[in-house]
Amino acid sequence: MLNHFILIKYSVETPEPHIKAFCQRMLSLKSQIGGIRYLEIGRDILHDGRSWDVIAIMRFDDVAQLRAYQQHEAHLAVAEFNAPYVIDVAAIDYETAYSVDDAQD
């Protein structure tokens, strides 16, 4: 299973209705793009200096499914909708290598 995390930082003048609309558009991708196994959207509640505004947590079977999602026209449309307000994006894609279940006593 491939884990795909995206962090988004918005400009200060981003209207609240835009962020809500983006989150809803992202969530709708699960029903539009077959390779998405899991999709969760979260919004920061602390608003600390190091905070990001939105996180998207997604899971795919493999890199090929992630790449298909990234190139899908529905995803590209959501990214284009969001682009005018985004000041930074971070991503990490990984297969779980370590977890608490793997710990040795």
N, C-alpha and C. Protein backbone atom coordinates (compact mmCIF):
# COMPACT_ATOMS: atom_id res chain seq x y z
N MET A 1 0.84 -1.17 0.00
CA MET A 1 0.00 0.00 0.00
C MET A 1 0.89 1.24 0.00
N LEU A 2 0.59 2.17 -0.87
CA LEU A 2 1.34 3.42 -0.99
C LEU A 2 0.57 4.53 -0.30
N ASN A 3 1.20 5.18 0.66
CA ASN A 3 0.62 6.32 1.38
C ASN A 3 1.05 7.61 0.69
N HIS A 4 0.10 8.51 0.47
CA HIS A 4 0.34 9.77 -0.24
C HIS A 4 -0.23 10.89 0.63
N PHE A 5 0.66 11.73 1.17
CA PHE A 5 0.24 12.86 2.00
C PHE A 5 0.57 14.16 1.28
N ILE A 6 -0.38 15.06 1.25
CA ILE A 6 -0.19 16.39 0.66
C ILE A 6 -0.52 17.43 1.73
N LEU A 7 0.36 18.40 1.90
CA LEU A 7 0.13 19.53 2.81
C LEU A 7 0.02 20.79 1.97
N ILE A 8 -0.97 21.61 2.29
CA ILE A 8 -1.22 22.84 1.53
C ILE A 8 -1.21 24.03 2.48
N LYS A 9 -0.52 25.08 2.06
CA LYS A 9 -0.50 26.34 2.79
C LYS A 9 -1.15 27.39 1.88
N TYR A 10 -2.16 28.08 2.41
CA TYR A 10 -2.88 29.09 1.64
C TYR A 10 -2.39 30.50 1.96
N SER A 11 -2.61 31.40 1.03
CA SER A 11 -2.35 32.82 1.30
C SER A 11 -3.37 33.31 2.32
N VAL A 12 -3.01 34.35 3.06
CA VAL A 12 -3.88 34.84 4.14
C VAL A 12 -5.22 35.37 3.63
N GLU A 13 -5.28 35.78 2.37
CA GLU A 13 -6.53 36.32 1.84
C GLU A 13 -7.44 35.25 1.21
N THR A 14 -7.12 34.00 1.42
CA THR A 14 -7.95 32.93 0.88
C THR A 14 -9.30 32.92 1.58
N PRO A 15 -10.39 33.04 0.82
CA PRO A 15 -11.71 33.04 1.47
C PRO A 15 -12.08 31.65 1.99
N GLU A 16 -12.72 31.62 3.13
CA GLU A 16 -13.16 30.36 3.74
C GLU A 16 -14.01 29.51 2.79
N PRO A 17 -14.94 30.11 2.04
CA PRO A 17 -15.73 29.28 1.12
C PRO A 17 -14.87 28.55 0.07
N HIS A 18 -13.75 29.16 -0.31
CA HIS A 18 -12.86 28.49 -1.27
C HIS A 18 -12.26 27.23 -0.65
N ILE A 19 -11.78 27.32 0.58
CA ILE A 19 -11.16 26.17 1.23
C ILE A 19 -12.18 25.05 1.40
N LYS A 20 -13.39 25.40 1.82
CA LYS A 20 -14.45 24.39 1.96
C LYS A 20 -14.75 23.74 0.61
N ALA A 21 -14.83 24.55 -0.43
CA ALA A 21 -15.12 24.01 -1.77
C ALA A 21 -13.99 23.09 -2.24
N PHE A 22 -12.75 23.49 -1.98
CA PHE A 22 -11.62 22.64 -2.34
C PHE A 22 -11.71 21.29 -1.64
N CYS A 23 -11.97 21.30 -0.34
CA CYS A 23 -12.06 20.05 0.42
C CYS A 23 -13.15 19.15 -0.15
N GLN A 24 -14.30 19.72 -0.47
CA GLN A 24 -15.39 18.93 -1.04
C GLN A 24 -15.02 18.38 -2.42
N ARG A 25 -14.37 19.19 -3.22
CA ARG A 25 -13.93 18.73 -4.55
C ARG A 25 -12.92 17.60 -4.42
N MET A 26 -12.01 17.73 -3.46
CA MET A 26 -11.04 16.65 -3.24
C MET A 26 -11.75 15.36 -2.83
N LEU A 27 -12.67 15.45 -1.88
CA LEU A 27 -13.38 14.27 -1.42
C LEU A 27 -14.16 13.60 -2.56
N SER A 28 -14.67 14.39 -3.48
CA SER A 28 -15.44 13.83 -4.59
C SER A 28 -14.57 13.03 -5.56
N LEU A 29 -13.25 13.23 -5.50
CA LEU A 29 -12.36 12.48 -6.39
C LEU A 29 -12.40 10.98 -6.11
N LYS A 30 -12.70 10.60 -4.88
CA LYS A 30 -12.75 9.17 -4.53
C LYS A 30 -13.74 8.42 -5.42
N SER A 31 -14.86 9.05 -5.73
CA SER A 31 -15.87 8.40 -6.58
C SER A 31 -15.59 8.59 -8.08
N GLN A 32 -14.66 9.47 -8.41
CA GLN A 32 -14.37 9.75 -9.82
C GLN A 32 -13.14 9.03 -10.35
N ILE A 33 -12.22 8.67 -9.45
CA ILE A 33 -10.95 8.08 -9.86
C ILE A 33 -10.82 6.72 -9.18
N GLY A 34 -10.81 5.68 -9.97
CA GLY A 34 -10.88 4.32 -9.45
C GLY A 34 -9.73 3.87 -8.57
N GLY A 35 -8.54 4.39 -8.74
CA GLY A 35 -7.39 3.89 -8.01
C GLY A 35 -7.23 4.39 -6.59
N ILE A 36 -8.06 5.32 -6.15
CA ILE A 36 -7.96 5.86 -4.79
C ILE A 36 -8.58 4.85 -3.83
N ARG A 37 -7.76 4.29 -2.94
CA ARG A 37 -8.25 3.31 -1.96
C ARG A 37 -8.78 3.99 -0.70
N TYR A 38 -8.21 5.14 -0.36
CA TYR A 38 -8.59 5.85 0.86
C TYR A 38 -8.33 7.33 0.63
N LEU A 39 -9.22 8.18 1.15
CA LEU A 39 -9.05 9.63 1.01
C LEU A 39 -9.62 10.31 2.24
N GLU A 40 -8.78 11.09 2.88
CA GLU A 40 -9.17 11.86 4.06
C GLU A 40 -8.62 13.27 3.92
N ILE A 41 -9.43 14.26 4.28
CA ILE A 41 -9.00 15.66 4.26
C ILE A 41 -9.08 16.19 5.68
N GLY A 42 -8.03 16.90 6.13
CA GLY A 42 -8.04 17.52 7.45
C GLY A 42 -7.63 18.97 7.36
N ARG A 43 -8.15 19.77 8.30
CA ARG A 43 -7.80 21.18 8.36
C ARG A 43 -7.16 21.48 9.70
N ASP A 44 -6.11 22.29 9.65
CA ASP A 44 -5.38 22.64 10.86
C ASP A 44 -6.27 23.42 11.82
N ILE A 45 -6.14 23.10 13.10
CA ILE A 45 -6.93 23.81 14.11
C ILE A 45 -6.07 24.68 15.04
N LEU A 46 -4.76 24.50 15.01
CA LEU A 46 -3.89 25.27 15.91
C LEU A 46 -3.43 26.59 15.31
N HIS A 47 -3.18 26.62 14.01
CA HIS A 47 -2.71 27.82 13.32
C HIS A 47 -1.41 28.37 13.92
N ASP A 48 -0.51 27.45 14.29
CA ASP A 48 0.81 27.84 14.76
C ASP A 48 1.68 28.27 13.57
N GLY A 49 2.81 28.86 13.87
CA GLY A 49 3.70 29.32 12.81
C GLY A 49 4.16 28.21 11.88
N ARG A 50 4.32 27.00 12.38
CA ARG A 50 4.78 25.89 11.55
C ARG A 50 3.64 25.09 10.93
N SER A 51 2.40 25.50 11.21
CA SER A 51 1.23 24.77 10.73
C SER A 51 1.02 24.93 9.23
N TRP A 52 0.46 23.89 8.65
CA TRP A 52 -0.05 23.92 7.28
C TRP A 52 -1.56 24.01 7.40
N ASP A 53 -2.24 24.45 6.35
CA ASP A 53 -3.68 24.68 6.45
C ASP A 53 -4.53 23.42 6.20
N VAL A 54 -4.13 22.62 5.22
CA VAL A 54 -4.91 21.45 4.83
C VAL A 54 -3.98 20.28 4.60
N ILE A 55 -4.44 19.08 4.97
CA ILE A 55 -3.72 17.86 4.64
C ILE A 55 -4.68 16.94 3.89
N ALA A 56 -4.16 16.30 2.87
CA ALA A 56 -4.88 15.24 2.18
C ALA A 56 -4.10 13.96 2.42
N ILE A 57 -4.78 12.96 2.94
CA ILE A 57 -4.18 11.66 3.20
C ILE A 57 -4.84 10.66 2.25
N MET A 58 -4.02 10.03 1.43
CA MET A 58 -4.56 9.13 0.43
C MET A 58 -3.77 7.83 0.43
N ARG A 59 -4.41 6.77 -0.02
CA ARG A 59 -3.73 5.48 -0.17
C ARG A 59 -4.06 4.90 -1.54
N PHE A 60 -3.03 4.32 -2.14
CA PHE A 60 -3.13 3.69 -3.45
C PHE A 60 -2.48 2.32 -3.38
N ASP A 61 -2.84 1.44 -4.28
CA ASP A 61 -2.23 0.11 -4.31
C ASP A 61 -0.75 0.19 -4.65
N ASP A 62 -0.38 1.12 -5.54
CA ASP A 62 1.01 1.19 -5.99
C ASP A 62 1.27 2.54 -6.65
N VAL A 63 2.49 2.74 -7.07
CA VAL A 63 2.91 4.01 -7.71
C VAL A 63 2.14 4.25 -9.00
N ALA A 64 1.86 3.20 -9.75
CA ALA A 64 1.12 3.36 -11.01
C ALA A 64 -0.26 3.97 -10.77
N GLN A 65 -0.93 3.54 -9.70
CA GLN A 65 -2.25 4.09 -9.38
C GLN A 65 -2.13 5.56 -8.94
N LEU A 66 -1.09 5.88 -8.18
CA LEU A 66 -0.86 7.27 -7.78
C LEU A 66 -0.62 8.13 -9.00
N ARG A 67 0.22 7.67 -9.92
CA ARG A 67 0.51 8.45 -11.13
C ARG A 67 -0.75 8.63 -11.98
N ALA A 68 -1.58 7.60 -12.05
CA ALA A 68 -2.84 7.72 -12.81
C ALA A 68 -3.74 8.78 -12.17
N TYR A 69 -3.81 8.80 -10.84
CA TYR A 69 -4.57 9.83 -10.13
C TYR A 69 -4.01 11.22 -10.43
N GLN A 70 -2.68 11.36 -10.35
CA GLN A 70 -2.06 12.66 -10.55
C GLN A 70 -2.32 13.22 -11.94
N GLN A 71 -2.47 12.35 -12.91
CA GLN A 71 -2.66 12.78 -14.30
C GLN A 71 -4.14 12.80 -14.72
N HIS A 72 -5.03 12.35 -13.85
CA HIS A 72 -6.45 12.29 -14.17
C HIS A 72 -7.02 13.69 -14.32
N GLU A 73 -7.89 13.87 -15.30
CA GLU A 73 -8.43 15.20 -15.58
C GLU A 73 -9.23 15.77 -14.40
N ALA A 74 -9.90 14.93 -13.63
CA ALA A 74 -10.65 15.42 -12.47
C ALA A 74 -9.70 15.98 -11.40
N HIS A 75 -8.59 15.31 -11.16
CA HIS A 75 -7.60 15.81 -10.21
C HIS A 75 -6.97 17.11 -10.71
N LEU A 76 -6.63 17.14 -11.98
CA LEU A 76 -6.02 18.35 -12.55
C LEU A 76 -6.97 19.54 -12.44
N ALA A 77 -8.27 19.31 -12.60
CA ALA A 77 -9.26 20.39 -12.48
C ALA A 77 -9.32 20.92 -11.04
N VAL A 78 -9.26 20.02 -10.06
CA VAL A 78 -9.27 20.45 -8.66
C VAL A 78 -8.00 21.24 -8.33
N ALA A 79 -6.87 20.78 -8.82
CA ALA A 79 -5.61 21.49 -8.59
C ALA A 79 -5.64 22.87 -9.23
N GLU A 80 -6.20 22.96 -10.41
CA GLU A 80 -6.30 24.27 -11.10
C GLU A 80 -7.23 25.21 -10.33
N PHE A 81 -8.34 24.69 -9.83
CA PHE A 81 -9.27 25.48 -9.02
C PHE A 81 -8.57 26.05 -7.80
N ASN A 82 -7.71 25.26 -7.17
CA ASN A 82 -7.07 25.64 -5.92
C ASN A 82 -5.84 26.54 -6.11
N ALA A 83 -5.19 26.43 -7.23
CA ALA A 83 -3.89 27.07 -7.48
C ALA A 83 -3.82 28.57 -7.17
N PRO A 84 -4.82 29.38 -7.47
CA PRO A 84 -4.68 30.82 -7.23
C PRO A 84 -4.42 31.21 -5.77
N TYR A 85 -4.80 30.36 -4.83
CA TYR A 85 -4.66 30.69 -3.41
C TYR A 85 -3.52 29.97 -2.71
N VAL A 86 -2.91 29.00 -3.36
CA VAL A 86 -1.89 28.18 -2.73
C VAL A 86 -0.54 28.89 -2.76
N ILE A 87 0.12 28.98 -1.58
CA ILE A 87 1.46 29.56 -1.55
C ILE A 87 2.54 28.50 -1.41
N ASP A 88 2.15 27.30 -0.93
CA ASP A 88 3.14 26.23 -0.82
C ASP A 88 2.43 24.88 -0.72
N VAL A 89 3.11 23.87 -1.24
CA VAL A 89 2.62 22.49 -1.18
C VAL A 89 3.79 21.59 -0.81
N ALA A 90 3.54 20.63 0.05
CA ALA A 90 4.54 19.61 0.39
C ALA A 90 3.89 18.25 0.20
N ALA A 91 4.69 17.26 -0.13
CA ALA A 91 4.17 15.91 -0.32
C ALA A 91 5.17 14.89 0.19
N ILE A 92 4.63 13.76 0.62
CA ILE A 92 5.45 12.60 0.92
C ILE A 92 4.67 11.37 0.46
N ASP A 93 5.38 10.48 -0.19
CA ASP A 93 4.81 9.23 -0.69
C ASP A 93 5.68 8.11 -0.17
N TYR A 94 5.07 7.16 0.54
CA TYR A 94 5.88 6.10 1.13
C TYR A 94 5.07 4.83 1.31
N GLU A 95 5.78 3.74 1.35
CA GLU A 95 5.22 2.47 1.79
C GLU A 95 5.66 2.30 3.23
N THR A 96 4.77 1.86 4.08
CA THR A 96 5.08 1.74 5.49
C THR A 96 6.26 0.80 5.70
N ALA A 97 7.31 1.32 6.31
CA ALA A 97 8.51 0.54 6.57
C ALA A 97 8.64 0.21 8.06
N TYR A 98 8.12 1.10 8.90
CA TYR A 98 8.23 0.93 10.35
C TYR A 98 6.89 1.29 10.97
N SER A 99 6.51 0.55 11.97
CA SER A 99 5.31 0.89 12.72
C SER A 99 5.44 0.32 14.12
N VAL A 100 4.58 0.69 14.98
CA VAL A 100 4.61 0.20 16.35
C VAL A 100 4.47 -1.31 16.37
N ASP A 101 3.67 -1.87 15.48
CA ASP A 101 3.48 -3.31 15.41
C ASP A 101 4.78 -4.05 15.12
N ASP A 102 5.74 -3.38 14.46
CA ASP A 102 7.00 -4.00 14.09
C ASP A 102 8.06 -3.92 15.19
N ALA A 103 7.77 -3.15 16.25
CA ALA A 103 8.79 -2.92 17.29
C ALA A 103 9.12 -4.21 18.02
N GLN A 104 10.39 -4.36 18.32
CA GLN A 104 10.89 -5.51 19.07
C GLN A 104 11.13 -5.08 20.51
N ASP A 105 10.76 -5.91 21.47
CA ASP A 105 11.02 -5.60 22.87
C ASP A 105 12.40 -6.02 23.27
